[in-house]
């Protein structure tokens, strides 16, 4: 959620999110029971409609992103070293001991 709302409105957005979640947990089972009594067609129809609405609203979300720096992997891992040693009769294929050193 931090990438979706400005920092000044983050606590308010968090409170609304928690309220909506609790309301859905409380009201959801009751609404589902009434819909099942009305018939299965109501259940599947409402799920399809709500899925379309949620999909349309999801595509309207604009995240606040910033591209900071493009670092190639060769540069990012340039100081890392990797040493592996094998014993005479390994019990499994591959290195028996692997030590990775990353400079501070």
Foldseek 3Di string as FASTA:
>chain_A
DPQQDDPVCVVVVVVVVVVVVVVCVVCVVVVVVVQVVVHPVSVVVVVVVVVVVVVVVVVPGDTRDDDDDDDDPCVVCVQKDKDFDDDPDDPDPDGPDIDIDHDD
